Structure formats: C-alpha cells, structure tokens
Amino acid sequence: MKDHEQCYEEFWKDLVEKNGAVDLDQVKKELFDFHRMIQNVPKVYDYVTGGAVSKSLTDPDIICNLAYEHFKELFKDE
C-alpha cells in the first residue's frame, strides 16, 4: 500500500496545486466531493450486499463477493 506522501504525489498534487502552491479553493472542492462519497458509499454497499456491509473502507473484493451472493439468492428461482 502506498504511503500518504506517495499518494499525494501520484494522485492529489496535480489536482490541488497550481503553479507549485496549494489551491485552497480546489482542496475544498475535493474535500466536498470526498465527504459526499463517504456519506453515499455506505448506502450503496448496504443495498448491493443486502444489508451485509455498510462500511466505506470495506475491501472491494468483499463487497463484490457479498453482492454476488446476494443477487444469486434473489434470482435463484428465476
């Protein structure tokens, strides 16, 4: 897993810096988007897993496996 410095350099830096300085307005926009994601991802996880998971940081493989099992159960008689 990447550390926070590597993550910043590879992902955030080009998004939040302008001419080598942090663009505070852009940081606020990115944080707003991140906040919305934190609020909404649990709702989606809860829905697609049939209520089994709602934690935002749950491993995606676990979500996919639980969603598969949930949908398989929903459609087993069709």
C-alpha atoms as a PDB file:
ATOM      1  CA  MET A   1       0.000   0.000   0.000  1.00  0.00           C
ATOM      2  CA  LYS A   2       1.173   3.491  -0.761  1.00  0.00           C
ATOM      3  CA  ASP A   3       2.070   5.880   1.979  1.00  0.00           C
ATOM      4  CA  HIS A   4       0.452   9.308   2.187  1.00  0.00           C
ATOM      5  CA  GLU A   5       3.379  11.101   0.524  1.00  0.00           C
ATOM      6  CA  GLN A   6       3.362   8.808  -2.498  1.00  0.00           C
ATOM      7  CA  CYS A   7      -0.423   9.046  -2.737  1.00  0.00           C
ATOM      8  CA  TYR A   8      -0.224  12.835  -2.680  1.00  0.00           C
ATOM      9  CA  GLU A   9       2.479  12.973  -5.331  1.00  0.00           C
ATOM     10  CA  GLU A  10       0.792  10.480  -7.654  1.00  0.00           C
ATOM     11  CA  PHE A  11      -2.846  11.474  -7.219  1.00  0.00           C
ATOM     12  CA  TRP A  12      -3.614  14.694  -5.342  1.00  0.00           C
ATOM     13  CA  LYS A  13      -0.775  17.033  -6.265  1.00  0.00           C
ATOM     14  CA  ASP A  14      -1.933  17.804  -9.809  1.00  0.00           C
ATOM     15  CA  LEU A  15      -5.497  18.223  -8.549  1.00  0.00           C
ATOM     16  CA  VAL A  16      -4.826  20.624  -5.691  1.00  0.00           C
ATOM     17  CA  GLU A  17      -1.727  22.582  -6.658  1.00  0.00           C
ATOM     18  CA  LYS A  18      -1.487  25.498  -9.055  1.00  0.00           C
ATOM     19  CA  ASN A  19       1.961  26.776 -10.007  1.00  0.00           C
ATOM     20  CA  GLY A  20       3.542  24.828  -7.152  1.00  0.00           C
ATOM     21  CA  ALA A  21       1.245  26.247  -4.448  1.00  0.00           C
ATOM     22  CA  VAL A  22      -1.754  24.631  -2.812  1.00  0.00           C
ATOM     23  CA  ASP A  23      -5.011  25.998  -4.250  1.00  0.00           C
ATOM     24  CA  LEU A  24      -7.207  26.131  -1.142  1.00  0.00           C
ATOM     25  CA  ASP A  25     -10.426  26.508  -3.138  1.00  0.00           C
ATOM     26  CA  GLN A  26      -9.605  23.348  -5.085  1.00  0.00           C
ATOM     27  CA  VAL A  27      -8.767  21.493  -1.855  1.00  0.00           C
ATOM     28  CA  LYS A  28     -12.187  22.490  -0.510  1.00  0.00           C
ATOM     29  CA  LYS A  29     -13.860  21.178  -3.682  1.00  0.00           C
ATOM     30  CA  GLU A  30     -12.007  17.876  -3.456  1.00  0.00           C
ATOM     31  CA  LEU A  31     -12.869  17.538   0.239  1.00  0.00           C
ATOM     32  CA  PHE A  32     -16.525  18.273  -0.531  1.00  0.00           C
ATOM     33  CA  ASP A  33     -16.572  15.507  -3.148  1.00  0.00           C
ATOM     34  CA  PHE A  34     -14.816  13.146  -0.738  1.00  0.00           C
ATOM     35  CA  HIS A  35     -17.333  13.953   2.001  1.00  0.00           C
ATOM     36  CA  ARG A  36     -20.220  13.158  -0.358  1.00  0.00           C
ATOM     37  CA  MET A  37     -18.578   9.861  -1.222  1.00  0.00           C
ATOM     38  CA  ILE A  38     -18.116   8.997   2.458  1.00  0.00           C
ATOM     39  CA  GLN A  39     -21.826   9.660   3.001  1.00  0.00           C
ATOM     40  CA  ASN A  40     -23.076   7.758  -0.059  1.00  0.00           C
ATOM     41  CA  VAL A  41     -20.827   4.716  -0.431  1.00  0.00           C
ATOM     42  CA  PRO A  42     -22.245   3.004   2.682  1.00  0.00           C
ATOM     43  CA  LYS A  43     -25.757   3.326   1.243  1.00  0.00           C
ATOM     44  CA  VAL A  44     -24.701   1.634  -1.976  1.00  0.00           C
ATOM     45  CA  TYR A  45     -22.747  -1.096  -0.180  1.00  0.00           C
ATOM     46  CA  ASP A  46     -25.697  -1.767   2.113  1.00  0.00           C
ATOM     47  CA  TYR A  47     -28.060  -2.015  -0.858  1.00  0.00           C
ATOM     48  CA  VAL A  48     -25.971  -4.258  -3.106  1.00  0.00           C
ATOM     49  CA  THR A  49     -24.986  -6.617  -0.286  1.00  0.00           C
ATOM     50  CA  GLY A  50     -28.498  -6.983   1.084  1.00  0.00           C
ATOM     51  CA  GLY A  51     -27.568  -5.220   4.300  1.00  0.00           C
ATOM     52  CA  ALA A  52     -24.433  -7.271   4.991  1.00  0.00           C
ATOM     53  CA  VAL A  53     -21.933  -4.386   4.737  1.00  0.00           C
ATOM     54  CA  SER A  54     -22.087  -0.608   5.023  1.00  0.00           C
ATOM     55  CA  LYS A  55     -18.536   0.433   5.932  1.00  0.00           C
ATOM     56  CA  SER A  56     -16.920   2.738   3.339  1.00  0.00           C
ATOM     57  CA  LEU A  57     -13.481   1.194   3.699  1.00  0.00           C
ATOM     58  CA  THR A  58     -14.571  -2.416   3.266  1.00  0.00           C
ATOM     59  CA  ASP A  59     -12.325  -4.242   0.800  1.00  0.00           C
ATOM     60  CA  PRO A  60     -13.916  -4.082  -2.684  1.00  0.00           C
ATOM     61  CA  ASP A  61     -13.445  -7.833  -3.198  1.00  0.00           C
ATOM     62  CA  ILE A  62     -15.584  -8.477  -0.135  1.00  0.00           C
ATOM     63  CA  ILE A  63     -18.292  -6.147  -1.441  1.00  0.00           C
ATOM     64  CA  CYS A  64     -18.273  -7.850  -4.845  1.00  0.00           C
ATOM     65  CA  ASN A  65     -18.459 -11.334  -3.329  1.00  0.00           C
ATOM     66  CA  LEU A  66     -21.285 -10.395  -0.982  1.00  0.00           C
ATOM     67  CA  ALA A  67     -23.174  -8.642  -3.781  1.00  0.00           C
ATOM     68  CA  TYR A  68     -22.783 -11.706  -5.984  1.00  0.00           C
ATOM     69  CA  GLU A  69     -24.156 -13.965  -3.252  1.00  0.00           C
ATOM     70  CA  HIS A  70     -26.996 -11.548  -2.535  1.00  0.00           C
ATOM     71  CA  PHE A  71     -28.057 -11.336  -6.184  1.00  0.00           C
ATOM     72  CA  LYS A  72     -27.664 -15.076  -6.656  1.00  0.00           C
ATOM     73  CA  GLU A  73     -30.052 -15.615  -3.745  1.00  0.00           C
ATOM     74  CA  LEU A  74     -32.505 -13.031  -5.101  1.00  0.00           C
ATOM     75  CA  PHE A  75     -32.668 -14.628  -8.533  1.00  0.00           C
ATOM     76  CA  LYS A  76     -32.250 -18.326  -7.674  1.00  0.00           C
ATOM     77  CA  ASP A  77     -35.841 -19.212  -8.604  1.00  0.00           C
ATOM     78  CA  GLU A  78     -35.820 -17.488 -11.989  1.00  0.00           C
END
